[in-house]
Protein backbone atom coordinates (compact mmCIF):
# COMPACT_ATOMS: atom_id res chain seq x y z
CA MET A 1 -148.03 124.86 99.08
CA THR A 2 -148.71 121.16 99.43
CA ALA A 3 -147.65 119.06 102.40
CA THR A 4 -144.49 117.77 100.70
CA PRO A 5 -142.93 121.21 100.01
CA GLN A 6 -143.85 122.30 103.54
CA LEU A 7 -142.11 119.24 105.01
CA ALA A 8 -139.06 119.87 102.82
CA LEU A 9 -138.97 123.49 104.02
CA VAL A 10 -139.17 122.45 107.68
CA LEU A 11 -136.45 119.81 107.28
CA ARG A 12 -134.16 122.14 105.35
CA ASN A 13 -134.52 124.99 107.81
CA GLY A 14 -134.12 122.61 110.75
CA LEU A 15 -130.91 121.29 109.23
CA LEU A 16 -129.58 124.80 108.66
CA LEU A 17 -130.43 125.77 112.25
CA MET A 18 -128.66 122.66 113.55
CA LEU A 19 -125.55 123.43 111.49
CA SER A 20 -125.62 127.07 112.62
CA LEU A 21 -125.82 126.07 116.29
CA ALA A 22 -123.02 123.54 115.83
CA ALA A 23 -120.81 126.17 114.19
CA VAL A 24 -121.60 128.72 116.91
CA ASP A 25 -120.77 126.20 119.62
CA ARG A 26 -117.59 125.12 117.85
CA LEU A 27 -116.36 128.69 117.44
CA GLY A 28 -117.45 129.70 120.91
CA LEU A 29 -119.19 132.86 119.72
CA PRO A 30 -120.67 134.95 122.54
CA GLU A 31 -124.47 134.95 122.43
CA GLY A 32 -124.24 132.90 119.25
CA LEU A 33 -127.77 131.56 119.68
CA PHE A 34 -129.08 134.85 118.31
CA LEU A 35 -126.97 134.44 115.18
CA ALA A 36 -128.65 131.09 114.50
CA LEU A 37 -132.12 132.49 115.27
CA ALA A 38 -131.57 135.45 112.94
CA ILE A 39 -130.57 133.09 110.12
CA LEU A 40 -133.69 131.03 110.72
CA VAL A 41 -135.94 134.13 110.65
CA ILE A 42 -134.63 134.99 107.18
CA LEU A 43 -134.98 131.47 105.79
CA GLU A 44 -138.46 130.84 107.20
CA ALA A 45 -139.94 133.19 104.58
CA ASP A 46 -139.25 133.78 100.91
CA LEU A 47 -136.39 136.18 100.14
CA GLY A 48 -138.52 139.34 100.12
CA GLY A 49 -140.34 138.41 103.32
CA GLY A 50 -137.04 137.37 104.89
CA VAL A 51 -135.42 140.71 104.09
CA ILE A 52 -138.36 142.55 105.69
CA ALA A 53 -138.24 140.27 108.76
CA GLY A 54 -134.47 140.70 109.05
CA ARG A 55 -134.74 144.46 108.76
CA GLU A 56 -137.35 144.50 111.53
CA ARG A 57 -135.17 142.28 113.71
CA VAL A 58 -132.03 144.39 113.27
CA ILE A 59 -133.77 147.73 113.85
CA GLY A 60 -135.70 146.31 116.81
CA THR A 61 -132.50 144.97 118.35
CA LEU A 62 -130.76 148.32 117.93
CA MET A 63 -133.75 150.10 119.45
CA GLY A 64 -133.62 147.67 122.39
CA LEU A 65 -129.89 148.27 122.84
CA LEU A 66 -130.45 152.02 122.87
CA ALA A 67 -133.27 151.65 125.39
CA VAL A 68 -131.04 149.53 127.65
CA VAL A 69 -128.20 152.06 127.51
CA ILE A 70 -130.51 154.95 128.36
CA THR A 71 -132.32 153.05 131.09
CA ALA A 72 -129.18 151.70 132.72
CA GLY A 73 -127.53 155.12 132.59
CA ILE A 74 -130.22 157.35 134.06
CA THR A 75 -132.30 155.13 136.29
CA LEU A 76 -129.76 153.53 138.60
CA VAL A 77 -131.65 154.83 141.62
CA LEU A 78 -134.89 153.19 140.50
CA PRO A 79 -135.85 149.68 141.57
CA LEU A 80 -135.47 146.90 139.00
CA PRO A 81 -139.17 146.70 138.03
CA ALA A 82 -139.23 150.42 137.30
CA ARG A 83 -136.06 150.14 135.20
CA VAL A 84 -137.49 147.27 133.19
CA PHE A 85 -140.73 149.19 132.68
CA SER A 86 -138.81 152.28 131.53
CA GLY A 87 -136.72 150.22 129.11
CA LEU A 88 -139.73 148.45 127.62
CA LEU A 89 -141.54 151.76 127.27
CA LEU A 90 -138.59 153.31 125.47
CA ALA A 91 -138.25 150.30 123.17
CA ARG A 92 -141.95 150.58 122.26
CA LEU A 93 -141.71 154.31 121.63
CA PHE A 94 -138.60 153.85 119.50
CA GLY A 95 -140.43 151.14 117.57
CA PHE A 96 -143.30 153.50 116.86
CA ALA A 97 -140.89 156.20 115.71
CA ALA A 98 -139.08 153.75 113.41
CA GLY A 99 -142.35 152.45 111.94
CA LEU A 100 -141.77 148.86 113.08
CA SER A 101 -144.63 146.39 112.81
CA SER A 102 -143.08 143.62 114.93
CA GLY A 103 -139.43 144.50 115.57
CA PHE A 104 -140.29 146.29 118.81
CA ILE A 105 -140.96 142.84 120.32
CA VAL A 106 -137.32 141.91 119.74
CA GLY A 107 -136.33 145.23 121.31
CA GLY A 108 -138.38 144.33 124.36
CA HIS A 109 -136.59 140.99 124.58
CA VAL A 110 -133.24 142.79 124.53
CA VAL A 111 -134.38 145.02 127.38
CA ALA A 112 -135.74 142.13 129.46
CA GLY A 113 -132.75 139.90 128.81
CA SER A 114 -130.28 142.64 129.69
CA LEU A 115 -131.89 144.12 132.79
CA LEU A 116 -133.55 141.00 134.23
CA HIS A 117 -131.17 138.16 133.43
CA HIS A 118 -127.85 139.99 133.04
CA PRO A 119 -128.06 142.99 135.39
CA ASP A 120 -124.34 142.89 136.25
CA ASN A 121 -122.97 142.46 132.73
CA TRP A 122 -125.85 143.89 130.65
CA TRP A 123 -123.50 145.69 128.27
CA TYR A 124 -121.69 142.49 127.30
CA TYR A 125 -124.99 140.66 126.70
CA ALA A 126 -126.75 143.47 124.83
CA PHE A 127 -123.70 144.30 122.69
CA TRP A 128 -122.98 140.75 121.58
CA ARG A 129 -126.64 139.96 121.06
CA THR A 130 -126.85 142.96 118.71
CA VAL A 131 -123.69 141.96 116.85
CA MET A 132 -124.78 138.34 116.46
CA THR A 133 -128.25 139.38 115.27
CA ILE A 134 -126.83 141.67 112.58
CA LEU A 135 -124.33 139.01 111.49
CA GLY A 136 -127.05 136.35 111.40
CA VAL A 137 -129.32 138.51 109.25
CA LEU A 138 -126.49 139.19 106.79
CA ILE A 139 -125.65 135.47 106.59
CA GLY A 140 -129.33 134.58 106.20
CA VAL A 141 -129.84 137.05 103.35
CA TYR A 142 -126.69 135.75 101.62
CA VAL A 143 -127.77 132.15 101.94
CA SER A 144 -131.31 132.92 100.85
CA ARG A 145 -130.11 134.89 97.86
CA HIS A 146 -127.57 132.38 96.57
CA LEU A 147 -128.69 128.96 97.86
CA TYR A 148 -132.36 129.30 98.69
CA SER A 149 -134.76 128.86 95.77
CA GLN A 150 -137.92 130.47 97.14
CA ARG A 151 -138.46 133.98 95.76
CA SER A 152 -141.14 136.57 96.46
CA VAL A 153 -141.48 137.43 92.79
CA SER A 154 -142.07 133.77 91.84
CA ARG A 155 -144.72 133.38 94.52
CA TRP A 156 -146.32 136.69 93.53
CA ARG A 157 -146.46 135.65 89.87
CA GLU A 158 -148.12 132.36 90.75
CA GLN A 159 -150.84 134.17 92.71
CA CYS A 160 -151.16 136.82 90.01
CA ARG A 161 -151.44 134.17 87.30
CA SER A 162 -154.29 132.48 89.18
CA TRP A 163 -156.04 135.84 89.58
CA THR A 164 -155.68 136.89 85.94
CA TRP A 165 -156.83 133.47 84.70
CA ASP A 166 -160.05 133.86 86.67
CA LEU A 167 -160.33 137.43 85.41
CA ALA A 168 -159.86 136.13 81.86
CA HIS A 169 -162.69 133.64 82.45
CA ALA A 170 -164.93 136.46 83.68
CA LEU A 171 -164.09 138.54 80.59
CA LEU A 172 -164.84 135.64 78.28
CA HIS A 173 -168.30 135.05 79.84
CA LEU A 174 -169.43 138.60 80.57
CA SER A 175 -173.07 138.10 79.63
CA ASP A 176 -173.67 134.84 81.50
CA LEU A 177 -171.73 135.04 84.75
CA PRO A 178 -173.38 133.21 87.67
CA ASP A 179 -173.29 135.00 91.03
CA ARG A 180 -171.66 138.02 89.43
CA GLU A 181 -171.38 140.17 92.56
CA GLN A 182 -169.64 137.47 94.61
CA LEU A 183 -167.26 136.69 91.75
CA PHE A 184 -166.04 140.26 91.44
CA LEU A 185 -165.88 140.66 95.21
CA ASP A 186 -163.56 137.65 95.36
CA LEU A 187 -161.45 139.02 92.49
CA ARG A 188 -161.13 142.35 94.28
CA GLU A 189 -160.02 140.71 97.54
CA ARG A 190 -157.36 138.72 95.69
CA ARG A 191 -156.19 141.91 93.96
CA ASN A 192 -155.85 143.60 97.35
CA ALA A 193 -153.80 140.66 98.65
CA LEU A 194 -151.44 141.07 95.69
CA ARG A 195 -151.10 144.77 96.49
CA ARG A 196 -150.21 143.99 100.09
CA SER A 197 -147.38 141.75 98.84
CA LEU A 198 -145.64 144.54 96.90
CA PRO A 199 -143.34 145.52 99.83
CA GLN A 200 -141.86 142.02 99.70
CA LEU A 201 -141.04 142.46 96.01
CA ILE A 202 -139.42 145.82 96.76
CA ALA A 203 -137.36 144.32 99.59
CA GLU A 204 -136.28 141.38 97.43
CA GLN A 205 -135.24 143.56 94.51
CA SER A 206 -133.21 145.75 96.88
CA VAL A 207 -130.87 142.82 97.59
CA THR A 208 -130.96 140.94 94.28
CA HIS A 209 -130.39 144.06 92.13
CA SER A 210 -132.16 142.27 89.31
CA ARG A 211 -132.02 143.89 85.89
CA GLN A 212 -135.67 142.98 85.43
CA ASP A 213 -137.79 145.57 87.22
CA SER A 214 -140.30 143.15 88.71
CA VAL A 215 -141.75 145.77 91.04
CA HIS A 216 -142.58 148.18 88.23
CA TRP A 217 -144.04 145.33 86.19
CA ALA A 218 -146.19 144.17 89.12
CA GLN A 219 -147.47 147.70 89.76
CA GLU A 220 -148.44 148.11 86.10
CA VAL A 221 -150.17 144.75 86.06
CA LEU A 222 -152.24 145.64 89.13
CA GLN A 223 -153.10 149.08 87.77
CA HIS A 224 -154.34 147.98 84.36
CA CYS A 225 -155.88 144.67 85.45
CA SER A 226 -157.81 146.55 88.13
CA THR A 227 -159.29 148.70 85.36
CA VAL A 228 -160.10 145.55 83.40
CA MET A 229 -161.80 144.09 86.46
CA SER A 230 -163.97 147.17 87.10
CA SER A 231 -164.89 147.40 83.39
CA CYS A 232 -165.85 143.73 83.31
CA ARG A 233 -168.02 144.19 86.39
CA ASP A 234 -169.93 147.06 84.75
CA LEU A 235 -170.14 145.40 81.34
CA SER A 236 -171.44 142.12 82.74
CA ALA A 237 -174.49 143.97 84.09
CA LEU A 238 -174.94 146.02 80.91
CA LEU A 239 -174.64 143.14 78.45
CA GLN A 240 -177.07 140.92 80.36
CA HIS A 241 -179.80 143.52 79.78
CA GLN A 242 -178.73 144.64 76.33
CA ASP A 243 -180.67 143.27 73.37
CA LYS A 244 -180.14 146.04 70.79
CA LEU A 245 -176.51 145.52 69.87
CA THR A 246 -175.66 145.87 66.19
CA PRO A 247 -174.13 142.80 64.52
CA ALA A 248 -170.83 144.65 64.05
CA LEU A 249 -170.68 145.65 67.72
CA SER A 250 -171.57 142.14 68.90
CA GLU A 251 -168.84 140.65 66.73
CA SER A 252 -166.22 143.18 67.88
CA ILE A 253 -167.14 142.58 71.55
CA GLN A 254 -166.68 138.83 71.07
CA GLY A 255 -163.29 139.45 69.47
CA LEU A 256 -162.31 141.73 72.35
CA GLN A 257 -163.36 139.09 74.87
CA GLN A 258 -161.45 136.32 73.11
CA LEU A 259 -158.15 138.12 72.54
CA GLY A 260 -158.42 140.02 75.83
CA SER A 261 -158.71 136.75 77.74
CA GLU A 262 -155.66 135.43 75.87
CA ARG A 263 -153.72 138.55 76.86
CA LEU A 264 -154.66 138.09 80.52
CA LYS A 265 -153.69 134.42 80.47
CA ALA A 266 -150.31 135.31 78.94
CA LEU A 267 -149.38 137.43 81.96
CA GLY A 268 -146.39 136.13 83.87
CA GLN A 269 -145.62 133.54 81.21
CA ASP A 270 -142.83 133.60 78.67
CA VAL A 271 -145.24 133.83 75.73
CA SER A 272 -146.01 136.68 73.40
CA VAL A 273 -149.37 138.04 72.27
CA ARG A 274 -150.85 138.32 68.79
CA ASN A 275 -150.45 142.03 68.24
CA ASP A 276 -151.63 141.99 64.60
CA ALA A 277 -154.95 140.37 65.55
CA TRP A 278 -155.25 142.64 68.58
CA SER A 279 -154.86 145.75 66.41
CA ARG A 280 -157.60 144.56 64.06
CA VAL A 281 -159.97 143.86 66.97
CA ARG A 282 -159.40 147.28 68.51
CA LEU A 283 -159.93 149.02 65.17
CA ALA A 284 -163.15 147.08 64.55
CA LEU A 285 -164.36 147.86 68.07
CA ASN A 286 -163.74 151.59 67.66
CA GLU A 287 -165.62 151.66 64.36
CA ALA A 288 -168.53 149.61 65.73
CA VAL A 289 -168.76 151.81 68.85
CA ASP A 290 -168.82 154.98 66.74
CA ALA A 291 -171.55 153.52 64.52
CA SER A 292 -173.61 152.39 67.52
CA LEU A 293 -173.82 155.96 68.79
CA LEU A 294 -175.57 157.17 65.61
CA GLU A 295 -179.13 156.78 64.46
CA SER A 296 -179.99 154.56 61.50
CA ASP A 297 -179.82 157.57 59.18
CA GLY A 298 -176.35 158.50 60.45
CA SER A 299 -177.44 161.47 62.53
CA PRO A 300 -176.59 161.85 66.24
CA PRO A 301 -179.52 161.13 68.56
CA PRO A 302 -180.82 163.67 71.10
CA SER A 303 -178.53 163.94 74.10
CA ASP A 304 -181.42 163.45 76.53
CA ASN A 305 -182.49 160.17 74.93
CA PRO A 306 -182.27 157.46 77.67
CA ASP A 307 -181.42 154.79 75.12
CA HIS A 308 -178.59 156.93 73.78
CA GLN A 309 -177.25 157.54 77.30
CA GLN A 310 -177.15 153.80 77.93
CA ARG A 311 -175.36 153.25 74.61
CA ARG A 312 -172.82 155.93 75.50
CA TYR A 313 -172.17 154.30 78.86
CA LEU A 314 -171.73 150.91 77.21
CA ALA A 315 -169.36 152.45 74.65
CA SER A 316 -167.27 154.15 77.36
CA ARG A 317 -166.90 150.89 79.29
CA LEU A 318 -165.91 148.97 76.16
CA LEU A 319 -163.28 151.55 75.17
CA LEU A 320 -161.93 151.70 78.73
CA LEU A 321 -161.66 147.90 78.77
CA SER A 322 -159.92 147.91 75.41
CA ASP A 323 -157.39 150.56 76.50
CA ALA A 324 -156.66 148.76 79.78
CA LEU A 325 -156.09 145.45 78.01
CA ASP A 326 -153.83 147.18 75.50
CA GLN A 327 -151.63 148.65 78.27
CA ILE A 328 -151.12 145.41 80.21
CA PRO A 329 -147.35 144.83 80.21
CA CYS A 330 -145.77 141.62 79.09
CA SER A 331 -143.53 139.62 81.40
CA PRO A 332 -140.17 141.31 82.11
CA SER A 333 -138.43 138.22 80.75
CA ILE A 334 -139.99 138.68 77.30
CA LYS A 335 -137.81 140.83 75.07
CA GLY A 336 -138.78 142.54 71.87
CA VAL A 337 -142.54 142.21 72.28
CA THR A 338 -144.38 145.45 71.64
CA HIS A 339 -147.85 146.42 72.67
């Protein structure tokens, strides 16, 4: 994001928070501040991240309410510090049991706010805070889904497109990559970051009910592009020290690099791929690989021949790369394109 979109996001969310607080004050909603805060939590992130944050906030609030009820009911004889400690401990344990990553903090706030600041009417405070939080999350998800333009899948595709473009560049220049190890290390780290973003896509799709299965598409892209990345890493080392390639194999490798890079660059874009040319390249590669594994007289070489073992390894990497490129899915928005 550049500075201008960030400023627009801050101003828009600030305006929505101001309107939410004004509406809460106008309607006189009990503990309405937490409705406005819940809305803001959803809108601070993209839709997928907002759904995850809202889910954490709701579950954490419910865990805090449960901890307050238990603590207030069974520890009346304990001094206030001991009751607060017991409530916070329960909220943390409940958070662990529910698998929360941050929602237990909200649960702790419910406990502290109820037992410390509202000891005489804790039930009123905890109940309405829970209700307002749930209502605010629902409103925030609705607003984000229908009025808010930022989407997890759009952000994921932008990051994926940048990654696959750099991967396409690496594929196109396999034999002359500078600082090869650092390049593929960087590509792997960016792939891992994309993997960590998948829960946001799942959360977003759970509320949008999109007909396009973006999650399945993203998983397939990561699976097959990861194979492409590992094959490129191995082939870049092999091709830099390979000076006995047959003309047919060299030509088929160049064709694979060219069309493979086009296929990677087409990911996430509403463009099709040249399947007729791709089929010819794959067929030529298979024939050239088979021929490269034979001696000049057409007979198979001895299995213990080191040169033959290196050729077999090169052939396996080329065929694996070809298969992975062939299985890369097109964008879900492209209809009628076959691979």
